[in-house]
């Protein structure tokens, strides 16, 4: 069952994220909101998405990130949907690393 994430609490979270100005501010907020494992899981999925965009193989991605093939497959499916969130973020930060 898919959940509707378009509600006021999610909108408020996104507005809070948009108000952050530095990486240190992001750390502060996410350390308050997430357990270390939750945050590392989100970061891992984003890293998997980046590597998929770079046409890395599942084996390469798993070796570097430690992600299971199930996780890699799920992220790959999400990359092929209409939303394109990972792609948009990837393109925006690609030159900033």
Protein backbone atom coordinates (compact mmCIF):
# COMPACT_ATOMS: atom_id res chain seq x y z
CA UNK A 1 0.00 0.00 0.00
CA UNK A 2 1.40 3.35 -1.06
CA UNK A 3 1.20 6.18 1.43
CA UNK A 4 0.23 9.71 0.46
CA UNK A 5 3.21 11.82 1.45
CA UNK A 6 1.65 15.08 0.28
CA UNK A 7 0.52 16.44 3.64
CA UNK A 8 1.33 19.40 5.87
CA UNK A 9 3.84 17.59 8.07
CA UNK A 10 5.93 16.50 5.08
CA UNK A 11 5.64 19.96 3.56
CA UNK A 12 6.87 21.48 6.84
CA UNK A 13 9.83 19.08 6.84
CA UNK A 14 10.73 20.06 3.28
CA UNK A 15 10.44 23.77 4.13
CA UNK A 16 12.76 23.18 7.08
CA UNK A 17 15.26 21.47 4.75
CA UNK A 18 15.06 24.35 2.29
CA UNK A 19 15.83 26.80 5.12
CA UNK A 20 19.19 25.18 5.89
CA UNK A 21 22.23 27.05 4.66
CA UNK A 22 25.23 24.85 5.43
CA UNK A 23 26.21 21.20 5.57
CA UNK A 24 26.73 21.60 9.33
CA UNK A 25 23.11 22.77 9.66
CA UNK A 26 22.04 19.65 7.73
CA UNK A 27 24.03 17.45 10.09
CA UNK A 28 22.41 19.15 13.10
CA UNK A 29 18.87 18.67 11.79
CA UNK A 30 19.32 15.10 10.59
CA UNK A 31 21.10 14.05 13.78
CA UNK A 32 17.99 15.25 15.63
CA UNK A 33 15.53 13.59 13.22
CA UNK A 34 17.15 10.27 12.31
CA UNK A 35 19.00 7.47 13.96
CA UNK A 36 22.49 6.99 12.55
CA UNK A 37 21.31 3.85 10.71
CA UNK A 38 18.35 5.67 9.14
CA UNK A 39 20.55 8.48 7.90
CA UNK A 40 23.21 6.09 6.61
CA UNK A 41 20.52 4.12 4.75
CA UNK A 42 19.22 7.25 3.05
CA UNK A 43 22.76 8.30 2.14
CA UNK A 44 23.51 4.82 0.81
CA UNK A 45 20.44 4.91 -1.45
CA UNK A 46 21.50 8.28 -2.80
CA UNK A 47 25.03 6.99 -3.43
CA UNK A 48 23.58 3.95 -5.20
CA UNK A 49 21.51 6.30 -7.37
CA UNK A 50 24.58 8.34 -8.26
CA UNK A 51 26.50 5.22 -9.21
CA UNK A 52 23.62 3.89 -11.30
CA UNK A 53 23.57 7.23 -13.15
CA UNK A 54 27.28 6.65 -13.83
CA UNK A 55 26.40 3.25 -15.33
CA UNK A 56 28.22 1.27 -12.66
CA UNK A 57 27.31 -2.41 -12.39
CA UNK A 58 25.37 -3.84 -9.46
CA UNK A 59 28.53 -5.69 -8.42
CA UNK A 60 30.61 -2.48 -8.43
CA UNK A 61 27.91 -0.60 -6.53
CA UNK A 62 27.52 -3.32 -3.93
CA UNK A 63 31.29 -3.50 -3.39
CA UNK A 64 31.63 0.26 -2.86
CA UNK A 65 28.43 0.95 -0.92
CA UNK A 66 27.71 -2.35 0.80
CA UNK A 67 24.15 -2.16 -0.57
CA UNK A 68 22.32 -5.37 -1.30
CA UNK A 69 21.22 -6.15 -4.85
CA UNK A 70 17.65 -5.74 -3.58
CA UNK A 71 18.38 -2.16 -2.53
CA UNK A 72 20.22 -1.43 -5.77
CA UNK A 73 17.33 -2.86 -7.78
CA UNK A 74 14.81 -0.78 -5.84
CA UNK A 75 16.77 2.43 -6.40
CA UNK A 76 17.15 1.52 -10.07
CA UNK A 77 13.35 1.13 -10.35
CA UNK A 78 12.90 4.54 -8.74
CA UNK A 79 15.33 6.06 -11.23
CA UNK A 80 13.09 4.83 -14.01
CA UNK A 81 9.90 6.44 -12.70
CA UNK A 82 8.56 9.86 -13.66
CA UNK A 83 9.71 11.78 -10.60
CA UNK A 84 13.43 12.13 -11.40
CA UNK A 85 14.37 13.42 -7.92
CA UNK A 86 17.67 11.58 -7.68
CA UNK A 87 18.62 12.65 -11.18
CA UNK A 88 17.85 16.31 -10.43
CA UNK A 89 19.88 16.32 -7.23
CA UNK A 90 22.71 14.37 -8.84
CA UNK A 91 22.98 16.87 -11.68
CA UNK A 92 22.97 19.81 -9.27
CA UNK A 93 25.74 18.50 -7.02
CA UNK A 94 27.87 16.68 -9.59
CA UNK A 95 30.28 19.60 -9.97
CA UNK A 96 30.38 20.47 -6.27
CA UNK A 97 32.23 17.44 -4.85
